[in-house]
Amino acid sequence: MNATPTLGFLLHDVARLLRKRFEQRAKCLGLTRSQWQTLAYLSNNEGIHQSGLAEILEVEPITLVRILDKLAERGLIERRQHPTDRRIWLLYMRDEAHPLLAEMRELGDVTRAEALEGVSAEQRELLFQVLSVMKTNLVQACRTPVDENEMNDG
């Protein structure tokens, strides 16, 4: 087997190590990874319903309910009933969550700076451009069904 990692493995390892390093720094905030991810996504999607947030986070709705229960117990989020459908709960950040979110962003900045140490501004720009193109390509590809022959050949 080739000792050089494939692009997929390398991207996975870098993402995993970024999360691990962030978790080491964020331990003092008293949140689990799933809780801080939920807060981060909710901050950009306030007013979203629970199932919509579960879809964004790629978790089962019942899993998200448990995370949201913990965040609500800490006074960081609130559920508000949908104005026309009482079965739907809309999610909002509470004022108490904003300082915590600011700390999380600072920790993220420090972690990214640590990861990008020794990478020039030009290299960073190129990295972001290439990853953005890859993301666009994959988003489009995921919208296209995989050809039956392609699945059988692999």
Protein backbone atom coordinates (compact mmCIF):
# COMPACT_ATOMS: atom_id res chain seq x y z
CA MET A 1 0.00 0.00 0.00
CA ASN A 2 1.19 3.51 -0.85
CA ALA A 3 2.43 5.46 2.20
CA THR A 4 1.23 8.77 0.73
CA PRO A 5 -2.25 9.57 2.06
CA THR A 6 -5.04 10.16 -0.41
CA LEU A 7 -6.73 13.54 -0.57
CA GLY A 8 -9.79 12.20 1.27
CA PHE A 9 -7.75 10.76 4.13
CA LEU A 10 -5.65 13.92 4.42
CA LEU A 11 -8.72 16.19 4.49
CA HIS A 12 -10.37 13.91 7.04
CA ASP A 13 -7.27 13.89 9.27
CA VAL A 14 -6.87 17.68 9.11
CA ALA A 15 -10.55 18.20 9.97
CA ARG A 16 -10.35 15.66 12.80
CA LEU A 17 -7.22 17.28 14.24
CA LEU A 18 -8.75 20.76 14.00
CA ARG A 19 -11.76 19.51 15.98
CA LYS A 20 -9.52 17.74 18.49
CA ARG A 21 -7.38 20.83 19.07
CA PHE A 22 -10.45 23.05 19.37
CA GLU A 23 -11.95 20.61 21.88
CA GLN A 24 -8.76 20.77 23.95
CA ARG A 25 -9.05 24.55 24.08
CA ALA A 26 -12.85 24.62 24.56
CA LYS A 27 -12.88 22.12 27.42
CA CYS A 28 -12.91 25.02 29.89
CA LEU A 29 -16.24 26.24 28.47
CA GLY A 30 -18.03 23.13 29.70
CA LEU A 31 -19.65 22.22 26.38
CA THR A 32 -19.50 18.99 24.43
CA ARG A 33 -18.51 19.11 20.77
CA SER A 34 -22.09 18.44 19.71
CA GLN A 35 -23.30 21.32 21.92
CA TRP A 36 -20.83 23.87 20.55
CA GLN A 37 -21.52 22.73 16.98
CA THR A 38 -25.23 23.16 17.60
CA LEU A 39 -24.70 26.66 18.99
CA ALA A 40 -22.45 27.60 16.08
CA TYR A 41 -24.98 26.49 13.47
CA LEU A 42 -27.91 27.95 15.38
CA SER A 43 -26.19 31.33 15.56
CA ASN A 44 -26.32 31.47 11.75
CA ASN A 45 -29.85 30.05 11.50
CA GLU A 46 -31.89 31.57 14.32
CA GLY A 47 -35.59 30.87 14.05
CA ILE A 48 -35.00 27.51 12.37
CA HIS A 49 -37.15 24.57 13.39
CA GLN A 50 -35.61 21.58 15.15
CA SER A 51 -35.80 19.18 12.21
CA GLY A 52 -34.17 21.74 9.91
CA LEU A 53 -31.27 22.16 12.32
CA ALA A 54 -30.96 18.38 12.68
CA GLU A 55 -30.66 18.14 8.90
CA ILE A 56 -27.94 20.81 8.77
CA LEU A 57 -26.02 19.09 11.56
CA GLU A 58 -26.58 15.69 9.95
CA VAL A 59 -27.91 14.14 13.17
CA GLU A 60 -31.12 12.35 13.98
CA PRO A 61 -33.86 14.66 15.33
CA ILE A 62 -34.06 12.71 18.61
CA THR A 63 -30.30 13.19 19.09
CA LEU A 64 -30.67 16.92 18.55
CA VAL A 65 -33.54 17.09 21.07
CA ARG A 66 -31.22 15.80 23.80
CA ILE A 67 -28.54 18.35 22.86
CA LEU A 68 -31.10 21.15 22.81
CA ASP A 69 -32.46 20.06 26.20
CA LYS A 70 -28.97 20.45 27.72
CA LEU A 71 -28.45 23.85 26.06
CA ALA A 72 -31.88 25.02 27.25
CA GLU A 73 -31.11 23.84 30.80
CA ARG A 74 -27.98 26.01 30.73
CA GLY A 75 -30.06 28.97 29.54
CA LEU A 76 -28.24 29.23 26.21
CA ILE A 77 -31.11 28.59 23.80
CA GLU A 78 -34.86 28.82 23.84
CA ARG A 79 -37.61 27.06 21.95
CA ARG A 80 -40.52 29.13 20.75
CA GLN A 81 -43.70 27.67 19.39
CA HIS A 82 -44.32 28.24 15.69
CA PRO A 83 -47.00 30.94 15.26
CA THR A 84 -49.28 28.78 13.10
CA ASP A 85 -48.25 25.17 13.78
CA ARG A 86 -48.10 24.15 17.42
CA ARG A 87 -46.20 20.94 16.56
CA ILE A 88 -43.17 22.93 15.42
CA TRP A 89 -40.64 24.55 17.75
CA LEU A 90 -38.40 27.36 16.51
CA LEU A 91 -34.93 27.76 18.00
CA TYR A 92 -33.27 30.96 19.18
CA MET A 93 -30.09 31.90 20.99
CA ARG A 94 -30.52 33.53 24.38
CA ASP A 95 -28.48 36.58 25.33
CA GLU A 96 -26.45 34.40 27.69
CA ALA A 97 -25.11 32.40 24.72
CA HIS A 98 -23.53 35.32 22.88
CA PRO A 99 -20.47 35.78 25.15
CA LEU A 100 -19.89 32.02 25.02
CA LEU A 101 -20.17 32.07 21.25
CA ALA A 102 -17.66 34.93 21.12
CA GLU A 103 -15.23 32.84 23.21
CA MET A 104 -15.77 29.88 20.90
CA ARG A 105 -14.97 32.07 17.88
CA GLU A 106 -11.79 33.31 19.56
CA LEU A 107 -10.74 29.73 20.29
CA GLY A 108 -11.50 28.85 16.67
CA ASP A 109 -9.34 31.74 15.46
CA VAL A 110 -6.44 30.62 17.67
CA THR A 111 -6.82 27.02 16.53
CA ARG A 112 -6.92 27.97 12.84
CA ALA A 113 -3.89 30.23 13.29
CA GLU A 114 -2.05 27.35 14.89
CA ALA A 115 -2.98 25.04 12.01
CA LEU A 116 -1.99 27.59 9.36
CA GLU A 117 1.31 28.57 10.97
CA GLY A 118 3.99 28.75 8.28
CA VAL A 119 1.43 28.97 5.46
CA SER A 120 1.80 32.22 3.53
CA ALA A 121 -1.14 34.52 2.78
CA GLU A 122 -0.92 33.53 -0.89
CA GLN A 123 -0.96 29.83 -0.04
CA ARG A 124 -3.93 30.34 2.28
CA GLU A 125 -5.85 32.15 -0.45
CA LEU A 126 -5.06 29.37 -2.94
CA LEU A 127 -6.05 26.70 -0.41
CA PHE A 128 -9.43 28.37 0.16
CA GLN A 129 -10.00 28.78 -3.58
CA VAL A 130 -9.21 25.14 -4.32
CA LEU A 131 -11.32 23.84 -1.43
CA SER A 132 -14.21 26.10 -2.48
CA VAL A 133 -14.09 24.74 -6.04
CA MET A 134 -13.95 21.19 -4.70
CA LYS A 135 -16.95 21.86 -2.46
CA THR A 136 -18.94 23.34 -5.36
CA ASN A 137 -18.06 20.35 -7.56
CA LEU A 138 -19.10 17.87 -4.88
CA VAL A 139 -22.35 19.70 -4.05
CA GLN A 140 -23.27 19.54 -7.74
CA ALA A 141 -22.15 15.91 -8.02
CA CYS A 142 -24.23 14.91 -4.99
CA ARG A 143 -27.32 16.25 -6.74
CA THR A 144 -26.71 13.83 -9.62
CA PRO A 145 -27.59 10.17 -9.18
CA VAL A 146 -24.69 7.77 -9.48
CA ASP A 147 -24.81 5.78 -12.71
CA GLU A 148 -25.59 2.09 -12.09
CA ASN A 149 -22.59 1.05 -14.23
CA GLU A 150 -20.30 3.33 -12.23
CA MET A 151 -21.35 1.62 -8.98
CA ASN A 152 -20.76 -1.87 -10.41
CA ASP A 153 -17.33 -1.02 -11.88
CA GLY A 154 -15.91 0.22 -8.57
